[in-house]
Structures are given as C-alpha cells and as structure tokens.
Amino acid sequence: MVPLLSPQFRSVIDEVAADADVQWVYSTLNDAAGGSEERWIPHFPHERDILDIERTDWGPSGLPIRWELSPEKVATVAITALPQMYGELIVNAELMTAITVAGLTGFAATTARMGPG
C-alpha cells in the first residue's frame, strides 16, 4: 500500500518541505468510468532514525509494534515514513498546517506519540 497524492498535495509538500529527503514516483489513477487522474507516490530512499529507541515497543521480528518518536531526532524532519508503516506518512506541525490551510482532503491525521524532549 502506498499513498497516492494529488498534484496539489505534492505541491504543498514541495513548498514546505523543499529540503526533505523525498523523491516522487509518477502514477496514474484510473477510475471505473475510464477516466484517469495524475497521482504522486512519495518515496524516501533513506531510512531515518526518528524513533525513541527506549520508549518504542519492539516485536520479535525487530520491527516496532508501538512506536514513539524522539523529539530531538524529528526536530528538523518535515516529512518522512517508517519503512514498515505502509501508506502512512509522518509530517511535522508546519506541514500539517499547510495541508489544512490548502484545504486538502482524503486523508486521516492523528497525533504521533512523542517521547519527552
């Protein structure tokens, strides 16, 4: 599962997170009526160390089960994703505000667990 973002969504991300380590993969979303729409898939080529290692619960596979972010590690991160969290993005407050102000819809947002800073 991957997020399929509209050109408008990508534009907001590019404006706010211009220095983010994100690459874009072009995609076309086809509908049942034969129409198609341009979509963009964010790709993060490098895994970022953003978890609070001691406060995250780890599963037997070595992947986080219940993760918690480290405030120090995410302080300069505008957008990223955890490799095992398919389809989910982690964005900072500035980018979330820009997304909201732009009136973008079609997503669900929750506040991430954050360790003490």
Protein backbone atom coordinates (compact mmCIF):
# COMPACT_ATOMS: atom_id res chain seq x y z
CA MET A 1 0.00 0.00 0.00
CA VAL A 2 1.33 3.44 -0.93
CA PRO A 3 -0.13 6.92 -0.59
CA LEU A 4 -1.38 8.26 -3.93
CA LEU A 5 -1.16 12.03 -3.60
CA SER A 6 -2.72 14.62 -5.87
CA PRO A 7 -0.57 17.22 -7.64
CA GLN A 8 -1.94 19.80 -5.17
CA PHE A 9 -0.85 17.66 -2.22
CA ARG A 10 2.62 17.25 -3.71
CA SER A 11 2.85 21.00 -4.33
CA VAL A 12 2.16 21.80 -0.66
CA ILE A 13 4.76 19.27 0.46
CA ASP A 14 7.33 20.63 -2.00
CA GLU A 15 6.73 24.22 -0.81
CA VAL A 16 7.01 23.49 2.92
CA ALA A 17 9.46 20.61 2.86
CA ALA A 18 11.70 21.66 -0.01
CA ASP A 19 14.78 20.20 1.68
CA ALA A 20 13.09 16.91 2.64
CA ASP A 21 14.66 13.67 1.55
CA VAL A 22 11.69 12.72 -0.63
CA GLN A 23 11.59 11.56 -4.21
CA TRP A 24 8.43 11.38 -6.30
CA VAL A 25 7.16 8.50 -8.41
CA TYR A 26 4.56 9.40 -11.02
CA SER A 27 1.39 7.32 -11.18
CA THR A 28 -1.95 7.37 -12.93
CA LEU A 29 -5.16 6.55 -11.08
CA ASN A 30 -7.76 5.03 -13.41
CA ASP A 31 -11.44 5.04 -12.47
CA ALA A 32 -14.24 2.66 -13.45
CA ALA A 33 -15.65 5.15 -15.97
CA GLY A 34 -12.44 5.14 -17.98
CA GLY A 35 -11.08 8.41 -16.65
CA SER A 36 -7.65 8.91 -15.17
CA GLU A 37 -6.02 11.31 -12.76
CA GLU A 38 -2.39 12.19 -12.11
CA ARG A 39 -1.05 10.98 -8.75
CA TRP A 40 2.30 11.08 -6.99
CA ILE A 41 3.82 8.49 -4.66
CA PRO A 42 6.36 9.80 -2.13
CA HIS A 43 9.48 7.66 -1.86
CA PHE A 44 12.05 8.02 0.92
CA PRO A 45 15.33 6.49 -0.28
CA HIS A 46 17.00 6.64 3.12
CA GLU A 47 15.59 5.30 6.37
CA ARG A 48 15.61 7.99 9.03
CA ASP A 49 16.44 7.28 12.65
CA ILE A 50 13.47 9.04 14.28
CA LEU A 51 12.28 6.61 16.94
CA ASP A 52 12.81 6.87 20.68
CA ILE A 53 14.58 3.52 20.96
CA GLU A 54 13.91 3.03 24.67
CA ARG A 55 10.21 4.02 24.59
CA THR A 56 9.31 2.07 21.45
CA ASP A 57 7.93 -1.46 21.90
CA TRP A 58 9.76 -3.85 19.60
CA GLY A 59 8.38 -7.10 18.21
CA PRO A 60 10.24 -10.39 17.85
CA SER A 61 10.97 -9.54 14.21
CA GLY A 62 12.86 -6.44 15.27
CA LEU A 63 10.19 -4.09 13.90
CA PRO A 64 8.45 -1.57 16.13
CA ILE A 65 4.99 -2.63 17.30
CA ARG A 66 4.06 0.51 19.24
CA TRP A 67 6.44 3.25 18.22
CA GLU A 68 7.25 6.59 19.78
CA LEU A 69 9.10 9.44 18.10
CA SER A 70 12.17 11.11 19.56
CA PRO A 71 11.68 14.91 19.73
CA GLU A 72 15.38 15.51 19.16
CA LYS A 73 15.52 13.23 16.12
CA VAL A 74 12.44 14.68 14.38
CA ALA A 75 13.20 18.34 15.17
CA THR A 76 14.35 19.05 11.60
CA VAL A 77 12.18 16.49 9.78
CA ALA A 78 9.25 17.90 7.78
CA ILE A 79 8.07 14.63 6.24
CA THR A 80 9.16 11.01 6.37
CA ALA A 81 7.83 7.49 6.71
CA LEU A 82 8.79 4.40 8.63
CA PRO A 83 9.64 1.55 6.26
CA GLN A 84 7.22 -0.86 7.93
CA MET A 85 4.31 1.62 8.06
CA TYR A 86 2.99 1.17 4.54
CA GLY A 87 0.85 4.03 3.30
CA GLU A 88 1.44 6.26 6.32
CA LEU A 89 3.40 9.49 6.37
CA ILE A 90 4.85 11.36 9.34
CA VAL A 91 4.66 15.14 8.94
CA ASN A 92 5.60 17.98 11.26
CA ALA A 93 3.19 20.63 12.56
CA GLU A 94 4.19 23.21 9.93
CA LEU A 95 3.43 20.85 7.06
CA MET A 96 0.18 19.67 8.67
CA THR A 97 -0.93 23.30 8.99
CA ALA A 98 -0.09 23.96 5.33
CA ILE A 99 -2.07 20.87 4.27
CA THR A 100 -5.06 22.05 6.31
CA VAL A 101 -4.85 25.66 5.05
CA ALA A 102 -4.69 24.39 1.46
CA GLY A 103 -8.00 22.62 2.06
CA LEU A 104 -6.66 19.21 1.08
CA THR A 105 -8.87 16.24 1.91
CA GLY A 106 -8.89 12.48 1.59
CA PHE A 107 -6.58 11.64 4.47
CA ALA A 108 -6.78 10.86 8.17
CA ALA A 109 -4.41 12.52 10.62
CA THR A 110 -3.55 11.57 14.18
CA THR A 111 -1.01 12.95 16.62
CA ALA A 112 2.05 10.72 16.89
CA ARG A 113 3.35 9.53 20.24
CA MET A 114 6.35 11.63 21.19
CA GLY A 115 8.86 10.92 23.91
CA PRO A 116 9.87 13.58 26.42
CA GLY A 117 12.01 16.30 24.91
